[in-house]
Amino acid sequence: MKTKKIRGHKRRWKDIDQWISNYKNLDVDDLKAYSRDYAKIRTHPWSGLAVTNSIIPQPSGETKRRIIQGLIDIYNEWEKRLDQLKEPYYLKIWLFEPRFTQSQVVCAIGDEINYYENLFHKPTDEKQLRPGRYGQLEAQLKDFNWDCRWDEDQFYDTEIGAPDDYESIKNYEEHKRWVENLLKKPHRTEKLSGPDRDATEAYYFKKGNIWLGQK
């Protein structure tokens, strides 16, 4: 599969500025209704599904810098609004590497705080973010405390399903072989329990790191 070349960077920068403007103002009413909110990267071509048979490259250089600056600006504005609530809250930047376009600012209140605090797998080896890798943003990134978590793809032992779930036996057999080959790759396994669960195991495949930043 070919990698698509990104053109029109100045136009992308305008889109990034608009994305930042759209998300800076935290909707507290929505937050109280759903107990969570997030600001994920919503700029073309890094949002939505690809419509061509090509890979969209991750942002780099000045484009990446502008996006990270946007995440920091959104965080700072949300922090002001959340402080006004006078109640505990969760607020962090999720900085994904290398799947950078998954990066976002996430906040939560109430019971959702505990959910997000325990959402990602924490590695036993303590890694440290190196702000110097981010050029002009080094000083601002040093204002945050960064914890490392794993960015993982998750599958369940019910992934294959039954032959009747597929359009044909051929499709079933192809997917079955794909899952079997996938499970030969390095991964971690987690046992599941609960009366409403069909799956009994979850499989996690590491794709990179997530840096959780909080002031």
C-alpha atoms as a PDB file:
ATOM      1  CA  MET A   1       0.000   0.000   0.000  1.00  0.00           C
ATOM      2  CA  LYS A   2       1.410   3.391  -0.983  1.00  0.00           C
ATOM      3  CA  THR A   3       1.933   6.278   1.405  1.00  0.00           C
ATOM      4  CA  LYS A   4      -0.082   9.331   0.390  1.00  0.00           C
ATOM      5  CA  LYS A   5       1.861  12.591   0.092  1.00  0.00           C
ATOM      6  CA  ILE A   6       0.371  15.440   2.107  1.00  0.00           C
ATOM      7  CA  ARG A   7       0.158  18.708   0.200  1.00  0.00           C
ATOM      8  CA  GLY A   8      -1.060  22.193   1.048  1.00  0.00           C
ATOM      9  CA  HIS A   9       0.491  22.485   4.497  1.00  0.00           C
ATOM     10  CA  LYS A  10      -0.542  26.104   4.989  1.00  0.00           C
ATOM     11  CA  ARG A  11      -4.138  25.052   4.423  1.00  0.00           C
ATOM     12  CA  ARG A  12      -3.672  22.268   6.985  1.00  0.00           C
ATOM     13  CA  TRP A  13      -2.332  24.833   9.454  1.00  0.00           C
ATOM     14  CA  LYS A  14      -5.488  26.920   9.026  1.00  0.00           C
ATOM     15  CA  ASP A  15      -7.552  23.778   9.666  1.00  0.00           C
ATOM     16  CA  ILE A  16      -5.525  23.126  12.818  1.00  0.00           C
ATOM     17  CA  ASP A  17      -6.150  26.683  14.026  1.00  0.00           C
ATOM     18  CA  GLN A  18      -9.872  26.191  13.452  1.00  0.00           C
ATOM     19  CA  TRP A  19      -9.823  22.865  15.302  1.00  0.00           C
ATOM     20  CA  ILE A  20      -8.152  24.526  18.287  1.00  0.00           C
ATOM     21  CA  SER A  21     -10.692  27.358  18.251  1.00  0.00           C
ATOM     22  CA  ASN A  22     -13.593  24.897  18.088  1.00  0.00           C
ATOM     23  CA  TYR A  23     -12.442  22.902  21.104  1.00  0.00           C
ATOM     24  CA  LYS A  24     -10.976  25.531  23.423  1.00  0.00           C
ATOM     25  CA  ASN A  25     -14.342  26.300  25.013  1.00  0.00           C
ATOM     26  CA  LEU A  26     -15.257  23.308  27.165  1.00  0.00           C
ATOM     27  CA  ASP A  27     -19.020  22.647  27.174  1.00  0.00           C
ATOM     28  CA  VAL A  28     -19.607  22.212  30.907  1.00  0.00           C
ATOM     29  CA  ASP A  29     -23.274  21.294  30.425  1.00  0.00           C
ATOM     30  CA  ASP A  30     -22.303  18.386  28.184  1.00  0.00           C
ATOM     31  CA  LEU A  31     -19.578  17.395  30.614  1.00  0.00           C
ATOM     32  CA  LYS A  32     -22.066  17.276  33.487  1.00  0.00           C
ATOM     33  CA  ALA A  33     -24.491  15.250  31.367  1.00  0.00           C
ATOM     34  CA  TYR A  34     -21.969  12.645  30.207  1.00  0.00           C
ATOM     35  CA  SER A  35     -19.222  13.017  32.864  1.00  0.00           C
ATOM     36  CA  ARG A  36     -16.507  13.120  30.160  1.00  0.00           C
ATOM     37  CA  ASP A  37     -15.318  15.016  27.121  1.00  0.00           C
ATOM     38  CA  TYR A  38     -12.384  14.928  24.752  1.00  0.00           C
ATOM     39  CA  ALA A  39     -10.722  16.956  22.019  1.00  0.00           C
ATOM     40  CA  LYS A  40      -9.290  14.609  19.398  1.00  0.00           C
ATOM     41  CA  ILE A  41      -7.484  15.780  16.280  1.00  0.00           C
ATOM     42  CA  ARG A  42     -10.191  16.708  13.771  1.00  0.00           C
ATOM     43  CA  THR A  43      -8.356  18.037  10.755  1.00  0.00           C
ATOM     44  CA  HIS A  44      -8.186  16.624   7.238  1.00  0.00           C
ATOM     45  CA  PRO A  45      -6.674  14.218   6.272  1.00  0.00           C
ATOM     46  CA  TRP A  46      -6.068  12.809   9.773  1.00  0.00           C
ATOM     47  CA  SER A  47      -9.684  12.485  10.858  1.00  0.00           C
ATOM     48  CA  GLY A  48     -12.253  10.037   9.546  1.00  0.00           C
ATOM     49  CA  LEU A  49     -11.683   7.043   7.294  1.00  0.00           C
ATOM     50  CA  ALA A  50      -9.300   7.011   4.362  1.00  0.00           C
ATOM     51  CA  VAL A  51     -11.161   6.762   1.063  1.00  0.00           C
ATOM     52  CA  THR A  52      -8.149   5.696  -0.982  1.00  0.00           C
ATOM     53  CA  ASN A  53      -5.939   2.627  -0.907  1.00  0.00           C
ATOM     54  CA  SER A  54      -3.055   4.562   0.565  1.00  0.00           C
ATOM     55  CA  ILE A  55      -1.560   5.211   3.971  1.00  0.00           C
ATOM     56  CA  ILE A  56      -1.916   8.712   5.421  1.00  0.00           C
ATOM     57  CA  PRO A  57       1.470   9.630   6.952  1.00  0.00           C
ATOM     58  CA  GLN A  58       1.596  10.887  10.500  1.00  0.00           C
ATOM     59  CA  PRO A  59       2.067  14.657  10.904  1.00  0.00           C
ATOM     60  CA  SER A  60       5.642  15.828  11.226  1.00  0.00           C
ATOM     61  CA  GLY A  61       7.700  19.001  11.481  1.00  0.00           C
ATOM     62  CA  GLU A  62       5.782  22.266  11.804  1.00  0.00           C
ATOM     63  CA  THR A  63       2.407  20.556  11.372  1.00  0.00           C
ATOM     64  CA  LYS A  64       3.046  18.239  14.317  1.00  0.00           C
ATOM     65  CA  ARG A  65       4.317  21.140  16.406  1.00  0.00           C
ATOM     66  CA  ARG A  66       1.152  23.121  15.755  1.00  0.00           C
ATOM     67  CA  ILE A  67      -1.037  20.181  16.741  1.00  0.00           C
ATOM     68  CA  ILE A  68       0.824  19.624  20.016  1.00  0.00           C
ATOM     69  CA  GLN A  69       0.628  23.343  20.712  1.00  0.00           C
ATOM     70  CA  GLY A  70      -3.102  23.055  20.145  1.00  0.00           C
ATOM     71  CA  LEU A  71      -3.380  20.202  22.641  1.00  0.00           C
ATOM     72  CA  ILE A  72      -1.522  22.298  25.210  1.00  0.00           C
ATOM     73  CA  ASP A  73      -3.723  25.352  24.563  1.00  0.00           C
ATOM     74  CA  ILE A  74      -6.918  23.297  24.845  1.00  0.00           C
ATOM     75  CA  TYR A  75      -5.660  21.712  28.065  1.00  0.00           C
ATOM     76  CA  ASN A  76      -4.916  25.116  29.597  1.00  0.00           C
ATOM     77  CA  GLU A  77      -8.359  26.489  28.724  1.00  0.00           C
ATOM     78  CA  TRP A  78     -10.144  23.385  29.983  1.00  0.00           C
ATOM     79  CA  GLU A  79      -8.171  23.505  33.212  1.00  0.00           C
ATOM     80  CA  LYS A  80      -9.507  26.989  33.937  1.00  0.00           C
ATOM     81  CA  ARG A  81     -13.110  25.870  33.377  1.00  0.00           C
ATOM     82  CA  LEU A  82     -12.721  22.686  35.399  1.00  0.00           C
ATOM     83  CA  ASP A  83     -11.207  24.575  38.333  1.00  0.00           C
ATOM     84  CA  GLN A  84     -14.402  26.606  38.474  1.00  0.00           C
ATOM     85  CA  LEU A  85     -16.436  23.451  39.132  1.00  0.00           C
ATOM     86  CA  LYS A  86     -14.871  23.126  42.595  1.00  0.00           C
ATOM     87  CA  GLU A  87     -14.896  19.323  42.375  1.00  0.00           C
ATOM     88  CA  PRO A  88     -12.380  16.582  41.524  1.00  0.00           C
ATOM     89  CA  TYR A  89     -11.700  16.035  37.841  1.00  0.00           C
ATOM     90  CA  TYR A  90      -9.483  14.149  35.412  1.00  0.00           C
ATOM     91  CA  LEU A  91      -7.658  16.207  32.818  1.00  0.00           C
ATOM     92  CA  LYS A  92      -4.738  14.929  30.753  1.00  0.00           C
ATOM     93  CA  ILE A  93      -3.136  15.168  27.358  1.00  0.00           C
ATOM     94  CA  TRP A  94      -2.854  11.781  25.697  1.00  0.00           C
ATOM     95  CA  LEU A  95       0.198  12.019  23.444  1.00  0.00           C
ATOM     96  CA  PHE A  96       0.450   8.916  21.261  1.00  0.00           C
ATOM     97  CA  GLU A  97       3.729   7.810  19.670  1.00  0.00           C
ATOM     98  CA  PRO A  98       4.055   6.684  16.943  1.00  0.00           C
ATOM     99  CA  ARG A  99       0.277   6.734  16.270  1.00  0.00           C
ATOM    100  CA  PHE A 100       0.321  10.464  16.859  1.00  0.00           C
ATOM    101  CA  THR A 101      -3.049  11.243  15.233  1.00  0.00           C
ATOM    102  CA  GLN A 102      -4.790   9.436  18.110  1.00  0.00           C
ATOM    103  CA  SER A 103      -3.542  12.164  20.467  1.00  0.00           C
ATOM    104  CA  GLN A 104      -6.165  14.161  22.353  1.00  0.00           C
ATOM    105  CA  VAL A 105      -7.109  16.064  25.493  1.00  0.00           C
ATOM    106  CA  VAL A 106      -9.439  14.127  27.801  1.00  0.00           C
ATOM    107  CA  CYS A 107     -11.361  15.230  30.877  1.00  0.00           C
ATOM    108  CA  ALA A 108     -13.798  13.495  33.196  1.00  0.00           C
ATOM    109  CA  ILE A 109     -15.704  14.008  36.436  1.00  0.00           C
ATOM    110  CA  GLY A 110     -17.524  11.748  38.881  1.00  0.00           C
ATOM    111  CA  ASP A 111     -17.258   7.974  38.435  1.00  0.00           C
ATOM    112  CA  GLU A 112     -15.542   8.390  35.063  1.00  0.00           C
ATOM    113  CA  ILE A 113     -12.382   9.629  36.787  1.00  0.00           C
ATOM    114  CA  ASN A 114     -11.522   6.161  38.063  1.00  0.00           C
ATOM    115  CA  TYR A 115     -12.309   4.629  34.663  1.00  0.00           C
ATOM    116  CA  TYR A 116      -9.808   6.833  32.859  1.00  0.00           C
ATOM    117  CA  GLU A 117      -7.150   6.565  35.557  1.00  0.00           C
ATOM    118  CA  ASN A 118      -7.084   2.786  34.981  1.00  0.00           C
ATOM    119  CA  LEU A 119      -7.748   2.650  31.251  1.00  0.00           C
ATOM    120  CA  PHE A 120      -4.254   1.913  29.920  1.00  0.00           C
ATOM    121  CA  HIS A 121      -1.681  -0.730  30.760  1.00  0.00           C
ATOM    122  CA  LYS A 122       1.217   0.611  32.817  1.00  0.00           C
ATOM    123  CA  PRO A 123       4.606  -0.957  31.967  1.00  0.00           C
ATOM    124  CA  THR A 124       6.891  -2.140  34.732  1.00  0.00           C
ATOM    125  CA  ASP A 125       9.868  -0.240  33.326  1.00  0.00           C
ATOM    126  CA  GLU A 126       9.654   3.475  33.972  1.00  0.00           C
ATOM    127  CA  LYS A 127      10.175   5.470  30.771  1.00  0.00           C
ATOM    128  CA  GLN A 128      10.607   9.212  30.664  1.00  0.00           C
ATOM    129  CA  LEU A 129       9.334  11.596  28.000  1.00  0.00           C
ATOM    130  CA  ARG A 130      12.166  13.581  26.433  1.00  0.00           C
ATOM    131  CA  PRO A 131      10.767  17.082  25.828  1.00  0.00           C
ATOM    132  CA  GLY A 132      13.910  18.062  23.950  1.00  0.00           C
ATOM    133  CA  ARG A 133      12.726  15.898  21.053  1.00  0.00           C
ATOM    134  CA  TYR A 134       9.886  18.360  20.476  1.00  0.00           C
ATOM    135  CA  GLY A 135      12.003  21.407  19.679  1.00  0.00           C
ATOM    136  CA  GLN A 136      10.319  24.737  20.456  1.00  0.00           C
ATOM    137  CA  LEU A 137       7.757  23.000  22.678  1.00  0.00           C
ATOM    138  CA  GLU A 138      10.359  21.728  25.158  1.00  0.00           C
ATOM    139  CA  ALA A 139       9.733  24.363  27.841  1.00  0.00           C
ATOM    140  CA  GLN A 140       5.941  23.996  27.715  1.00  0.00           C
ATOM    141  CA  LEU A 141       6.098  20.190  27.815  1.00  0.00           C
ATOM    142  CA  LYS A 142       8.335  20.396  30.895  1.00  0.00           C
ATOM    143  CA  ASP A 143       5.423  22.084  32.697  1.00  0.00           C
ATOM    144  CA  PHE A 144       3.630  18.725  32.615  1.00  0.00           C
ATOM    145  CA  ASN A 145       4.228  15.502  34.519  1.00  0.00           C
ATOM    146  CA  TRP A 146       4.315  12.675  31.961  1.00  0.00           C
ATOM    147  CA  ASP A 147       3.485   9.033  32.673  1.00  0.00           C
ATOM    148  CA  CYS A 148       4.070   6.294  30.121  1.00  0.00           C
ATOM    149  CA  ARG A 149       1.356   3.802  29.168  1.00  0.00           C
ATOM    150  CA  TRP A 150       1.045   1.298  26.317  1.00  0.00           C
ATOM    151  CA  ASP A 151      -0.896   1.989  23.155  1.00  0.00           C
ATOM    152  CA  GLU A 152      -2.444  -1.380  22.324  1.00  0.00           C
ATOM    153  CA  ASP A 153      -4.873  -3.002  19.917  1.00  0.00           C
ATOM    154  CA  GLN A 154      -7.360  -5.225  21.740  1.00  0.00           C
ATOM    155  CA  PHE A 155      -9.046  -8.426  20.617  1.00  0.00           C
ATOM    156  CA  TYR A 156     -11.200 -10.998  22.408  1.00  0.00           C
ATOM    157  CA  ASP A 157     -11.352 -14.788  22.253  1.00  0.00           C
ATOM    158  CA  THR A 158     -14.752 -14.345  20.590  1.00  0.00           C
ATOM    159  CA  GLU A 159     -13.128 -12.564  17.625  1.00  0.00           C
ATOM    160  CA  ILE A 160     -13.555 -15.487  15.221  1.00  0.00           C
ATOM    161  CA  GLY A 161     -17.219 -16.110  15.968  1.00  0.00           C
ATOM    162  CA  ALA A 162     -19.275 -18.794  14.257  1.00  0.00           C
ATOM    163  CA  PRO A 163     -19.431 -19.692  10.527  1.00  0.00           C
ATOM    164  CA  ASP A 164     -23.023 -18.433  10.416  1.00  0.00           C
ATOM    165  CA  ASP A 165     -21.754 -14.938  11.228  1.00  0.00           C
ATOM    166  CA  TYR A 166     -20.078 -14.697   7.804  1.00  0.00           C
ATOM    167  CA  GLU A 167     -21.277 -14.319   4.242  1.00  0.00           C
ATOM    168  CA  SER A 168     -19.486 -17.510   3.259  1.00  0.00           C
ATOM    169  CA  ILE A 169     -17.369 -20.326   4.662  1.00  0.00           C
ATOM    170  CA  LYS A 170     -14.465 -18.892   2.696  1.00  0.00           C
ATOM    171  CA  ASN A 171     -14.717 -15.577   4.574  1.00  0.00           C
ATOM    172  CA  TYR A 172     -14.945 -17.449   7.861  1.00  0.00           C
ATOM    173  CA  GLU A 173     -11.849 -19.526   7.111  1.00  0.00           C
ATOM    174  CA  GLU A 174      -9.870 -16.472   5.992  1.00  0.00           C
ATOM    175  CA  HIS A 175     -10.687 -14.556   9.152  1.00  0.00           C
ATOM    176  CA  LYS A 176      -9.981 -17.596  11.300  1.00  0.00           C
ATOM    177  CA  ARG A 177      -6.497 -17.932   9.750  1.00  0.00           C
ATOM    178  CA  TRP A 178      -5.916 -14.193  10.241  1.00  0.00           C
ATOM    179  CA  VAL A 179      -6.740 -14.437  13.957  1.00  0.00           C
ATOM    180  CA  GLU A 180      -4.631 -17.572  14.406  1.00  0.00           C
ATOM    181  CA  ASN A 181      -1.631 -15.872  12.769  1.00  0.00           C
ATOM    182  CA  LEU A 182      -2.224 -12.748  14.862  1.00  0.00           C
ATOM    183  CA  LEU A 183      -2.067 -14.732  18.089  1.00  0.00           C
ATOM    184  CA  LYS A 184       1.358 -16.045  17.122  1.00  0.00           C
ATOM    185  CA  LYS A 185       2.703 -12.518  17.510  1.00  0.00           C
ATOM    186  CA  PRO A 186       3.913 -11.140  20.873  1.00  0.00           C
ATOM    187  CA  HIS A 187       1.003 -10.024  23.041  1.00  0.00           C
ATOM    188  CA  ARG A 188      -0.278 -10.039  26.588  1.00  0.00           C
ATOM    189  CA  THR A 189      -3.388 -11.882  27.756  1.00  0.00           C
ATOM    190  CA  GLU A 190      -5.937 -10.811  30.350  1.00  0.00           C
ATOM    191  CA  LYS A 191      -8.543 -13.103  31.890  1.00  0.00           C
ATOM    192  CA  LEU A 192     -12.072 -11.726  31.941  1.00  0.00           C
ATOM    193  CA  SER A 193     -14.948 -12.495  34.264  1.00  0.00           C
ATOM    194  CA  GLY A 194     -18.527 -11.415  34.758  1.00  0.00           C
ATOM    195  CA  PRO A 195     -21.999 -12.881  34.232  1.00  0.00           C
ATOM    196  CA  ASP A 196     -22.715 -10.806  31.111  1.00  0.00           C
ATOM    197  CA  ARG A 197     -19.452 -11.564  29.293  1.00  0.00           C
ATOM    198  CA  ASP A 198     -19.238 -13.880  26.301  1.00  0.00           C
ATOM    199  CA  ALA A 199     -15.478 -13.427  26.078  1.00  0.00           C
ATOM    200  CA  THR A 200     -13.226 -15.024  28.695  1.00  0.00           C
ATOM    201  CA  GLU A 201      -9.884 -13.625  27.499  1.00  0.00           C
ATOM    202  CA  ALA A 202      -8.612 -10.386  25.972  1.00  0.00           C
ATOM    203  CA  TYR A 203      -5.460 -10.115  23.895  1.00  0.00           C
ATOM    204  CA  TYR A 204      -3.421  -6.921  23.725  1.00  0.00           C
ATOM    205  CA  PHE A 205      -0.891  -6.110  21.012  1.00  0.00           C
ATOM    206  CA  LYS A 206       1.459  -3.216  21.686  1.00  0.00           C
ATOM    207  CA  LYS A 207       1.650  -0.566  18.954  1.00  0.00           C
ATOM    208  CA  GLY A 208       3.545   2.131  20.785  1.00  0.00           C
ATOM    209  CA  ASN A 209       3.372   4.369  23.842  1.00  0.00           C
ATOM    210  CA  ILE A 210       0.911   6.880  25.211  1.00  0.00           C
ATOM    211  CA  TRP A 211       2.323   9.746  27.219  1.00  0.00           C
ATOM    212  CA  LEU A 212      -0.234  11.008  29.756  1.00  0.00           C
ATOM    213  CA  GLY A 213       0.484  14.644  30.588  1.00  0.00           C
ATOM    214  CA  GLN A 214      -0.931  16.497  33.570  1.00  0.00           C
ATOM    215  CA  LYS A 215       0.066  19.699  35.377  1.00  0.00           C
END
